[in-house]
Amino acid sequence: MSRDPSVDSRISAEDIRRRKGGVPIVCLTAYTYPVARLLDPHVDLLLVGDSVAMVLHGHATTLGASLEMMIAHGQAVMRGSAKACVVVDMPAGSYEASPVQAVASAMRIVGETGCQAVKLEGGVDMAAQIAAIVAEGIPVMGHIGLQPQSVEKDGGYKIKGRTDDNIAALLRDAEAVEKAGAFSVVIEGTMEAVAAKLTRHIPIPTIGIGASADCDGQILVTDDMVGMTIDRVPKFVKEYADLRGVIANAAARYAAEVRSRAFPGPDHVFTTTSGKDEP
């Protein structure tokens, strides 16, 4: 059953902005209706991340995400949530060319999903795009540090903040994102002390992933957090469940019962003509 918009009382981007320095902001990714329903009561923000390209669609990187893909998953998450601030990632290729392109893509995402904000990667180099989107009344979440959409250009997933020059660049990026009007910024894959410094340096909330407990909030890919990652689990992930094992065991039991004809049993078939045992 879809949520009733008439009783919608969502957390807004401005609500998130006001959380700077307060109780840590709880964020997780969501890509589907049922997962959004399960997570919504527990989180402040749901991110429809371009990680969906890897997690659900099997691409090697987030570069496999398209605008249409993000919109479809954004619509599902909006249907499944009622409380959380929903932010949809702008996929690679949908905003980098110009502020005009960025505004058009952001307006399409918000218009077709009803989400509360969009997210894009980049600092100084994307400040104009952020400012243009914000000027149209669409809240923007920034993303600095390790930027998955730039992984090919960077030659892999490389931790940021290891050198003085890189630290200085991160500070410039954080300042640029904030001054452009972003309501918050994700800091990913960054040395702990540097992420803490960035958090103290800017007046908008920082959301850490592989960063620092001193960030104003934290986010993880939900599939990583519940133990659904099939290959290597990133260092910064804590698994709070083992759904790999649960699903594998359930599939093994199901297969055994089908092969032995133990399933379906009497409770799972229709045996009367009265219509009382409907599906």
C-alpha atoms as a PDB file:
ATOM      1  CA  MET A   1       0.000   0.000   0.000  1.00  0.00           C
ATOM      2  CA  SER A   2       1.358   3.418  -0.938  1.00  0.00           C
ATOM      3  CA  ARG A   3       1.714   6.182   1.624  1.00  0.00           C
ATOM      4  CA  ASP A   4      -1.098   8.726   1.862  1.00  0.00           C
ATOM      5  CA  PRO A   5       0.397  12.100   0.869  1.00  0.00           C
ATOM      6  CA  SER A   6      -2.325  13.866   2.858  1.00  0.00           C
ATOM      7  CA  VAL A   7      -0.659  12.745   6.084  1.00  0.00           C
ATOM      8  CA  ASP A   8       2.861  13.327   4.813  1.00  0.00           C
ATOM      9  CA  SER A   9       5.055  15.131   7.335  1.00  0.00           C
ATOM     10  CA  ARG A  10       8.494  14.713   5.869  1.00  0.00           C
ATOM     11  CA  ILE A  11      11.779  15.965   7.193  1.00  0.00           C
ATOM     12  CA  SER A  12      12.859  18.768   4.869  1.00  0.00           C
ATOM     13  CA  ALA A  13      16.268  19.744   3.580  1.00  0.00           C
ATOM     14  CA  GLU A  14      16.061  22.818   5.798  1.00  0.00           C
ATOM     15  CA  ASP A  15      15.356  20.570   8.802  1.00  0.00           C
ATOM     16  CA  ILE A  16      18.567  18.687   7.976  1.00  0.00           C
ATOM     17  CA  ARG A  17      20.513  21.940   7.638  1.00  0.00           C
ATOM     18  CA  ARG A  18      19.403  22.984  11.130  1.00  0.00           C
ATOM     19  CA  ARG A  19      20.806  19.761  12.585  1.00  0.00           C
ATOM     20  CA  LYS A  20      24.389  21.060  12.313  1.00  0.00           C
ATOM     21  CA  GLY A  21      26.229  20.212  15.529  1.00  0.00           C
ATOM     22  CA  GLY A  22      23.181  18.487  17.037  1.00  0.00           C
ATOM     23  CA  VAL A  23      22.050  14.885  17.339  1.00  0.00           C
ATOM     24  CA  PRO A  24      23.801  12.970  14.531  1.00  0.00           C
ATOM     25  CA  ILE A  25      21.805  12.660  11.320  1.00  0.00           C
ATOM     26  CA  VAL A  26      20.954   9.053  10.393  1.00  0.00           C
ATOM     27  CA  CYS A  27      21.120   8.332   6.662  1.00  0.00           C
ATOM     28  CA  LEU A  28      20.895   5.152   4.589  1.00  0.00           C
ATOM     29  CA  THR A  29      20.465   4.351   0.918  1.00  0.00           C
ATOM     30  CA  ALA A  30      17.207   2.996  -0.471  1.00  0.00           C
ATOM     31  CA  TYR A  31      16.336   1.971  -4.005  1.00  0.00           C
ATOM     32  CA  THR A  32      13.057   0.066  -3.644  1.00  0.00           C
ATOM     33  CA  TYR A  33       9.583   0.450  -2.170  1.00  0.00           C
ATOM     34  CA  PRO A  34       9.794  -2.340   0.451  1.00  0.00           C
ATOM     35  CA  VAL A  35      13.224  -1.296   1.724  1.00  0.00           C
ATOM     36  CA  ALA A  36      12.097   2.322   1.954  1.00  0.00           C
ATOM     37  CA  ARG A  37       9.119   1.238   4.067  1.00  0.00           C
ATOM     38  CA  LEU A  38      11.373  -0.720   6.423  1.00  0.00           C
ATOM     39  CA  LEU A  39      13.955   2.050   6.820  1.00  0.00           C
ATOM     40  CA  ASP A  40      11.689   5.100   6.922  1.00  0.00           C
ATOM     41  CA  PRO A  41      10.745   4.931  10.640  1.00  0.00           C
ATOM     42  CA  HIS A  42      14.392   4.771  11.693  1.00  0.00           C
ATOM     43  CA  VAL A  43      16.246   7.305   9.555  1.00  0.00           C
ATOM     44  CA  ASP A  44      16.292  11.045   8.957  1.00  0.00           C
ATOM     45  CA  LEU A  45      17.350  10.847   5.310  1.00  0.00           C
ATOM     46  CA  LEU A  46      17.065   8.259   2.563  1.00  0.00           C
ATOM     47  CA  LEU A  47      19.491   8.596  -0.340  1.00  0.00           C
ATOM     48  CA  VAL A  48      18.529   7.080  -3.660  1.00  0.00           C
ATOM     49  CA  GLY A  49      22.181   6.668  -4.527  1.00  0.00           C
ATOM     50  CA  ASP A  50      23.697   6.037  -7.926  1.00  0.00           C
ATOM     51  CA  SER A  51      25.245   3.038  -6.169  1.00  0.00           C
ATOM     52  CA  VAL A  52      22.010   1.380  -7.328  1.00  0.00           C
ATOM     53  CA  ALA A  53      23.806   0.769 -10.627  1.00  0.00           C
ATOM     54  CA  MET A  54      26.236  -1.532  -8.814  1.00  0.00           C
ATOM     55  CA  VAL A  55      24.025  -2.918  -6.035  1.00  0.00           C
ATOM     56  CA  LEU A  56      20.906  -3.793  -8.030  1.00  0.00           C
ATOM     57  CA  HIS A  57      21.952  -3.651 -11.685  1.00  0.00           C
ATOM     58  CA  GLY A  58      25.362  -5.327 -11.563  1.00  0.00           C
ATOM     59  CA  HIS A  59      27.473  -2.545 -13.063  1.00  0.00           C
ATOM     60  CA  ALA A  60      31.133  -2.371 -12.095  1.00  0.00           C
ATOM     61  CA  THR A  61      30.891   1.318 -11.091  1.00  0.00           C
ATOM     62  CA  THR A  62      28.232   3.952 -10.449  1.00  0.00           C
ATOM     63  CA  LEU A  63      28.790   5.219 -14.003  1.00  0.00           C
ATOM     64  CA  GLY A  64      26.174   2.714 -15.133  1.00  0.00           C
ATOM     65  CA  ALA A  65      23.405   4.800 -13.582  1.00  0.00           C
ATOM     66  CA  SER A  66      21.181   6.817 -15.914  1.00  0.00           C
ATOM     67  CA  LEU A  67      18.764   9.654 -15.252  1.00  0.00           C
ATOM     68  CA  GLU A  68      15.871   7.348 -16.045  1.00  0.00           C
ATOM     69  CA  MET A  69      17.184   4.721 -13.625  1.00  0.00           C
ATOM     70  CA  MET A  70      17.497   7.255 -10.816  1.00  0.00           C
ATOM     71  CA  ILE A  71      14.006   8.603 -11.426  1.00  0.00           C
ATOM     72  CA  ALA A  72      12.424   5.135 -11.435  1.00  0.00           C
ATOM     73  CA  HIS A  73      14.063   4.198  -8.142  1.00  0.00           C
ATOM     74  CA  GLY A  74      13.336   7.626  -6.687  1.00  0.00           C
ATOM     75  CA  GLN A  75       9.645   7.144  -7.439  1.00  0.00           C
ATOM     76  CA  ALA A  76       9.663   3.774  -5.678  1.00  0.00           C
ATOM     77  CA  VAL A  77      11.356   5.168  -2.578  1.00  0.00           C
ATOM     78  CA  MET A  78       8.953   8.094  -2.400  1.00  0.00           C
ATOM     79  CA  ARG A  79       6.014   5.688  -2.535  1.00  0.00           C
ATOM     80  CA  GLY A  80       7.493   3.644   0.271  1.00  0.00           C
ATOM     81  CA  SER A  81       8.425   6.436   2.667  1.00  0.00           C
ATOM     82  CA  ALA A  82       6.521   9.087   4.589  1.00  0.00           C
ATOM     83  CA  LYS A  83       8.908  10.644   7.110  1.00  0.00           C
ATOM     84  CA  ALA A  84      12.463  10.694   5.773  1.00  0.00           C
ATOM     85  CA  CYS A  85      13.961  13.431   3.640  1.00  0.00           C
ATOM     86  CA  VAL A  86      14.488  11.724   0.275  1.00  0.00           C
ATOM     87  CA  VAL A  87      17.512  12.789  -1.768  1.00  0.00           C
ATOM     88  CA  VAL A  88      18.133  11.461  -5.287  1.00  0.00           C
ATOM     89  CA  ASP A  89      21.621  11.284  -6.787  1.00  0.00           C
ATOM     90  CA  MET A  90      22.243  13.043 -10.073  1.00  0.00           C
ATOM     91  CA  PRO A  91      24.032  10.441 -12.199  1.00  0.00           C
ATOM     92  CA  ALA A  92      27.266  11.022 -14.068  1.00  0.00           C
ATOM     93  CA  GLY A  93      26.687  12.893 -17.314  1.00  0.00           C
ATOM     94  CA  SER A  94      23.520  14.636 -16.147  1.00  0.00           C
ATOM     95  CA  TYR A  95      24.994  17.848 -14.731  1.00  0.00           C
ATOM     96  CA  GLU A  96      28.719  18.341 -15.386  1.00  0.00           C
ATOM     97  CA  ALA A  97      28.471  20.017 -18.814  1.00  0.00           C
ATOM     98  CA  SER A  98      26.893  23.271 -17.636  1.00  0.00           C
ATOM     99  CA  PRO A  99      24.618  24.876 -15.041  1.00  0.00           C
ATOM    100  CA  VAL A 100      21.839  24.793 -17.644  1.00  0.00           C
ATOM    101  CA  GLN A 101      22.156  21.020 -18.007  1.00  0.00           C
ATOM    102  CA  ALA A 102      22.321  20.619 -14.232  1.00  0.00           C
ATOM    103  CA  VAL A 103      19.140  22.629 -13.672  1.00  0.00           C
ATOM    104  CA  ALA A 104      17.254  20.718 -16.365  1.00  0.00           C
ATOM    105  CA  SER A 105      18.239  17.353 -14.869  1.00  0.00           C
ATOM    106  CA  ALA A 106      17.488  18.425 -11.309  1.00  0.00           C
ATOM    107  CA  MET A 107      14.080  19.781 -12.294  1.00  0.00           C
ATOM    108  CA  ARG A 108      13.250  16.545 -14.056  1.00  0.00           C
ATOM    109  CA  ILE A 109      14.283  14.436 -11.050  1.00  0.00           C
ATOM    110  CA  VAL A 110      12.274  16.495  -8.577  1.00  0.00           C
ATOM    111  CA  GLY A 111       9.338  16.912 -10.936  1.00  0.00           C
ATOM    112  CA  GLU A 112       9.018  13.196 -11.675  1.00  0.00           C
ATOM    113  CA  THR A 113       9.755  11.828  -8.188  1.00  0.00           C
ATOM    114  CA  GLY A 114       8.626  14.503  -5.725  1.00  0.00           C
ATOM    115  CA  CYS A 115      11.866  14.080  -3.773  1.00  0.00           C
ATOM    116  CA  GLN A 116      13.070  16.726  -1.340  1.00  0.00           C
ATOM    117  CA  ALA A 117      16.544  17.293  -2.800  1.00  0.00           C
ATOM    118  CA  VAL A 118      19.181  16.135  -5.266  1.00  0.00           C
ATOM    119  CA  LYS A 119      22.842  15.273  -4.712  1.00  0.00           C
ATOM    120  CA  LEU A 120      25.801  15.818  -6.995  1.00  0.00           C
ATOM    121  CA  GLU A 121      29.532  15.186  -6.738  1.00  0.00           C
ATOM    122  CA  GLY A 122      32.183  17.894  -6.880  1.00  0.00           C
ATOM    123  CA  GLY A 123      33.442  20.960  -5.059  1.00  0.00           C
ATOM    124  CA  VAL A 124      34.947  24.064  -6.623  1.00  0.00           C
ATOM    125  CA  ASP A 125      34.407  22.613 -10.099  1.00  0.00           C
ATOM    126  CA  MET A 126      30.665  22.143  -9.530  1.00  0.00           C
ATOM    127  CA  ALA A 127      29.900  25.272  -7.484  1.00  0.00           C
ATOM    128  CA  ALA A 128      28.196  26.979 -10.421  1.00  0.00           C
ATOM    129  CA  GLN A 129      25.934  23.980 -10.978  1.00  0.00           C
ATOM    130  CA  ILE A 130      24.977  23.837  -7.295  1.00  0.00           C
ATOM    131  CA  ALA A 131      24.223  27.560  -7.204  1.00  0.00           C
ATOM    132  CA  ALA A 132      22.086  27.359 -10.349  1.00  0.00           C
ATOM    133  CA  ILE A 133      20.006  24.467  -9.029  1.00  0.00           C
ATOM    134  CA  VAL A 134      19.525  26.154  -5.637  1.00  0.00           C
ATOM    135  CA  ALA A 135      18.477  29.352  -7.413  1.00  0.00           C
ATOM    136  CA  GLU A 136      15.606  27.363  -8.927  1.00  0.00           C
ATOM    137  CA  GLY A 137      14.400  26.412  -5.450  1.00  0.00           C
ATOM    138  CA  ILE A 138      15.760  22.855  -5.430  1.00  0.00           C
ATOM    139  CA  PRO A 139      17.845  21.909  -2.366  1.00  0.00           C
ATOM    140  CA  VAL A 140      21.232  20.344  -3.134  1.00  0.00           C
ATOM    141  CA  MET A 141      23.381  17.979  -1.119  1.00  0.00           C
ATOM    142  CA  GLY A 142      27.062  18.150  -2.060  1.00  0.00           C
ATOM    143  CA  HIS A 143      29.590  15.315  -2.164  1.00  0.00           C
ATOM    144  CA  ILE A 144      33.342  15.792  -1.747  1.00  0.00           C
ATOM    145  CA  GLY A 145      36.336  13.638  -0.924  1.00  0.00           C
ATOM    146  CA  LEU A 146      36.321  10.308  -2.731  1.00  0.00           C
ATOM    147  CA  GLN A 147      33.889  10.745  -5.613  1.00  0.00           C
ATOM    148  CA  PRO A 148      32.765   7.419  -7.129  1.00  0.00           C
ATOM    149  CA  GLN A 149      31.748   9.061 -10.409  1.00  0.00           C
ATOM    150  CA  SER A 150      35.388  10.122 -10.873  1.00  0.00           C
ATOM    151  CA  VAL A 151      36.899   6.729 -10.068  1.00  0.00           C
ATOM    152  CA  GLU A 152      38.104   6.133 -13.627  1.00  0.00           C
ATOM    153  CA  LYS A 153      39.686   9.586 -13.828  1.00  0.00           C
ATOM    154  CA  ASP A 154      41.318   9.096 -10.401  1.00  0.00           C
ATOM    155  CA  GLY A 155      42.643   5.658 -11.299  1.00  0.00           C
ATOM    156  CA  GLY A 156      40.670   3.840  -8.614  1.00  0.00           C
ATOM    157  CA  TYR A 157      39.099   4.353  -5.215  1.00  0.00           C
ATOM    158  CA  LYS A 158      41.750   6.443  -3.464  1.00  0.00           C
ATOM    159  CA  ILE A 159      41.435   7.798   0.071  1.00  0.00           C
ATOM    160  CA  LYS A 160      41.579  11.590   0.203  1.00  0.00           C
ATOM    161  CA  GLY A 161      43.329  13.905   2.641  1.00  0.00           C
ATOM    162  CA  ARG A 162      46.735  12.223   2.743  1.00  0.00           C
ATOM    163  CA  THR A 163      48.767  15.240   1.580  1.00  0.00           C
ATOM    164  CA  ASP A 164      48.822  18.925   2.494  1.00  0.00           C
ATOM    165  CA  ASP A 165      47.865  19.909  -1.054  1.00  0.00           C
ATOM    166  CA  ASN A 166      44.897  17.548  -1.058  1.00  0.00           C
ATOM    167  CA  ILE A 167      43.761  18.755   2.374  1.00  0.00           C
ATOM    168  CA  ALA A 168      43.847  22.340   1.129  1.00  0.00           C
ATOM    169  CA  ALA A 169      41.838  21.318  -1.951  1.00  0.00           C
ATOM    170  CA  LEU A 170      39.247  19.587   0.247  1.00  0.00           C
ATOM    171  CA  LEU A 171      38.861  22.729   2.348  1.00  0.00           C
ATOM    172  CA  ARG A 172      38.315  24.767  -0.815  1.00  0.00           C
ATOM    173  CA  ASP A 173      35.759  22.229  -2.033  1.00  0.00           C
ATOM    174  CA  ALA A 174      33.866  22.283   1.266  1.00  0.00           C
ATOM    175  CA  GLU A 175      33.777  26.078   1.287  1.00  0.00           C
ATOM    176  CA  ALA A 176      32.661  26.234  -2.351  1.00  0.00           C
ATOM    177  CA  VAL A 177      29.816  23.764  -1.829  1.00  0.00           C
ATOM    178  CA  GLU A 178      28.561  25.648   1.229  1.00  0.00           C
ATOM    179  CA  LYS A 179      28.823  29.086  -0.397  1.00  0.00           C
ATOM    180  CA  ALA A 180      27.001  27.807  -3.474  1.00  0.00           C
ATOM    181  CA  GLY A 181      24.009  27.056  -1.249  1.00  0.00           C
ATOM    182  CA  ALA A 182      24.134  23.318  -0.518  1.00  0.00           C
ATOM    183  CA  PHE A 183      22.203  22.352   2.615  1.00  0.00           C
ATOM    184  CA  SER A 184      24.644  19.560   3.529  1.00  0.00           C
ATOM    185  CA  VAL A 185      27.612  17.684   2.109  1.00  0.00           C
ATOM    186  CA  VAL A 186      28.714  14.055   2.029  1.00  0.00           C
ATOM    187  CA  ILE A 187      32.389  13.482   2.863  1.00  0.00           C
ATOM    188  CA  GLU A 188      33.490  10.112   1.524  1.00  0.00           C
ATOM    189  CA  GLY A 189      36.711   8.132   1.804  1.00  0.00           C
ATOM    190  CA  THR A 190      38.645  10.841   3.616  1.00  0.00           C
ATOM    191  CA  MET A 191      41.222  10.663   6.390  1.00  0.00           C
ATOM    192  CA  GLU A 192      39.492  10.815   9.768  1.00  0.00           C
ATOM    193  CA  ALA A 193      41.235  13.918  11.105  1.00  0.00           C
ATOM    194  CA  VAL A 194      40.637  15.782   7.850  1.00  0.00           C
ATOM    195  CA  ALA A 195      36.922  14.926   7.788  1.00  0.00           C
ATOM    196  CA  ALA A 196      36.633  16.160  11.381  1.00  0.00           C
ATOM    197  CA  LYS A 197      38.407  19.385  10.395  1.00  0.00           C
ATOM    198  CA  LEU A 198      36.064  19.907   7.450  1.00  0.00           C
ATOM    199  CA  THR A 199      33.085  19.389   9.746  1.00  0.00           C
ATOM    200  CA  ARG A 200      34.316  22.118  12.084  1.00  0.00           C
ATOM    201  CA  HIS A 201      35.175  24.387   9.170  1.00  0.00           C
ATOM    202  CA  ILE A 202      31.798  24.737   7.442  1.00  0.00           C
ATOM    203  CA  PRO A 203      28.396  25.733   8.861  1.00  0.00           C
ATOM    204  CA  ILE A 204      26.343  23.072   7.048  1.00  0.00           C
ATOM    205  CA  PRO A 205      26.032  19.428   8.172  1.00  0.00           C
ATOM    206  CA  THR A 206      28.597  16.927   6.970  1.00  0.00           C
ATOM    207  CA  ILE A 207      27.521  13.340   6.341  1.00  0.00           C
ATOM    208  CA  GLY A 208      30.360  10.865   6.666  1.00  0.00           C
ATOM    209  CA  ILE A 209      30.991   7.605   4.866  1.00  0.00           C
ATOM    210  CA  GLY A 210      34.470   6.282   5.479  1.00  0.00           C
ATOM    211  CA  ALA A 211      35.224   9.589   7.172  1.00  0.00           C
ATOM    212  CA  SER A 212      34.825  10.512  10.865  1.00  0.00           C
ATOM    213  CA  ALA A 213      32.498   9.940  13.809  1.00  0.00           C
ATOM    214  CA  ASP A 214      32.778  13.715  14.289  1.00  0.00           C
ATOM    215  CA  CYS A 215      30.751  14.323  11.125  1.00  0.00           C
ATOM    216  CA  ASP A 216      27.243  15.648  11.704  1.00  0.00           C
ATOM    217  CA  GLY A 217      25.742  12.433  10.368  1.00  0.00           C
ATOM    218  CA  GLN A 218      26.572   9.082   8.842  1.00  0.00           C
ATOM    219  CA  ILE A 219      25.461   7.155   5.767  1.00  0.00           C
ATOM    220  CA  LEU A 220      26.028   3.616   4.543  1.00  0.00           C
ATOM    221  CA  VAL A 221      24.799   1.651   1.565  1.00  0.00           C
ATOM    222  CA  THR A 222      21.999  -0.385   3.132  1.00  0.00           C
ATOM    223  CA  ASP A 223      22.953  -3.560   1.288  1.00  0.00           C
ATOM    224  CA  ASP A 224      26.442  -3.305   2.811  1.00  0.00           C
ATOM    225  CA  MET A 225      25.034  -2.581   6.264  1.00  0.00           C
ATOM    226  CA  VAL A 226      22.760  -5.657   6.294  1.00  0.00           C
ATOM    227  CA  GLY A 227      25.382  -8.037   4.938  1.00  0.00           C
ATOM    228  CA  MET A 228      24.179  -8.329   1.345  1.00  0.00           C
ATOM    229  CA  THR A 229      27.493  -7.385  -0.283  1.00  0.00           C
ATOM    230  CA  ILE A 230      28.561 -10.345  -2.381  1.00  0.00           C
ATOM    231  CA  ASP A 231      32.175  -9.381  -3.010  1.00  0.00           C
ATOM    232  CA  ARG A 232      34.607  -7.345  -0.886  1.00  0.00           C
ATOM    233  CA  VAL A 233      33.092  -5.432   2.029  1.00  0.00           C
ATOM    234  CA  PRO A 234      34.641  -1.932   2.307  1.00  0.00           C
ATOM    235  CA  LYS A 235      36.708  -1.192   5.426  1.00  0.00           C
ATOM    236  CA  PHE A 236      34.344   1.566   6.546  1.00  0.00           C
ATOM    237  CA  VAL A 237      31.291  -0.729   6.598  1.00  0.00           C
ATOM    238  CA  LYS A 238      29.957  -2.332   9.756  1.00  0.00           C
ATOM    239  CA  GLU A 239      27.622  -5.226   9.009  1.00  0.00           C
ATOM    240  CA  TYR A 240      24.624  -5.175  11.349  1.00  0.00           C
ATOM    241  CA  ALA A 241      23.097  -8.350   9.891  1.00  0.00           C
ATOM    242  CA  ASP A 242      24.025 -11.326   7.703  1.00  0.00           C
ATOM    243  CA  LEU A 243      21.384 -11.433   4.994  1.00  0.00           C
ATOM    244  CA  ARG A 244      23.801 -13.267   2.702  1.00  0.00           C
ATOM    245  CA  GLY A 245      23.594 -16.239   5.030  1.00  0.00           C
ATOM    246  CA  VAL A 246      19.860 -15.902   5.665  1.00  0.00           C
ATOM    247  CA  ILE A 247      18.998 -15.813   1.961  1.00  0.00           C
ATOM    248  CA  ALA A 248      21.428 -18.563   0.982  1.00  0.00           C
ATOM    249  CA  ASN A 249      20.103 -20.832   3.742  1.00  0.00           C
ATOM    250  CA  ALA A 250      16.490 -20.112   2.814  1.00  0.00           C
ATOM    251  CA  ALA A 251      17.195 -20.867  -0.860  1.00  0.00           C
ATOM    252  CA  ALA A 252      18.937 -24.120   0.078  1.00  0.00           C
ATOM    253  CA  ARG A 253      16.009 -25.251   2.263  1.00  0.00           C
ATOM    254  CA  TYR A 254      13.506 -24.314  -0.446  1.00  0.00           C
ATOM    255  CA  ALA A 255      15.469 -26.201  -3.100  1.00  0.00           C
ATOM    256  CA  ALA A 256      15.677 -29.300  -0.883  1.00  0.00           C
ATOM    257  CA  GLU A 257      11.932 -29.271  -0.169  1.00  0.00           C
ATOM    258  CA  VAL A 258      10.986 -28.784  -3.819  1.00  0.00           C
ATOM    259  CA  ARG A 259      13.228 -31.657  -4.876  1.00  0.00           C
ATOM    260  CA  SER A 260      11.837 -33.919  -2.169  1.00  0.00           C
ATOM    261  CA  ARG A 261       8.256 -32.799  -2.915  1.00  0.00           C
ATOM    262  CA  ALA A 262       7.861 -31.576   0.679  1.00  0.00           C
ATOM    263  CA  PHE A 263       6.830 -28.206  -0.759  1.00  0.00           C
ATOM    264  CA  PRO A 264       4.121 -27.311  -1.464  1.00  0.00           C
ATOM    265  CA  GLY A 265       2.411 -29.022   1.455  1.00  0.00           C
ATOM    266  CA  PRO A 266      -1.275 -29.164   2.444  1.00  0.00           C
ATOM    267  CA  ASP A 267      -1.179 -25.604   3.831  1.00  0.00           C
ATOM    268  CA  HIS A 268       0.032 -24.170   0.527  1.00  0.00           C
ATOM    269  CA  VAL A 269      -2.473 -25.617  -1.966  1.00  0.00           C
ATOM    270  CA  PHE A 270      -6.165 -25.010  -2.624  1.00  0.00           C
ATOM    271  CA  THR A 271      -8.419 -27.953  -1.755  1.00  0.00           C
ATOM    272  CA  THR A 272     -11.941 -26.540  -1.511  1.00  0.00           C
ATOM    273  CA  THR A 273     -14.346 -25.121  -4.071  1.00  0.00           C
ATOM    274  CA  SER A 274     -16.072 -22.734  -1.673  1.00  0.00           C
ATOM    275  CA  GLY A 275     -13.770 -19.802  -2.382  1.00  0.00           C
ATOM    276  CA  LYS A 276     -12.991 -19.404   1.326  1.00  0.00           C
ATOM    277  CA  ASP A 277      -9.298 -20.140   0.957  1.00  0.00           C
ATOM    278  CA  GLU A 278      -8.424 -17.213  -1.322  1.00  0.00           C
ATOM    279  CA  PRO A 279      -4.747 -16.380  -2.011  1.00  0.00           C
END
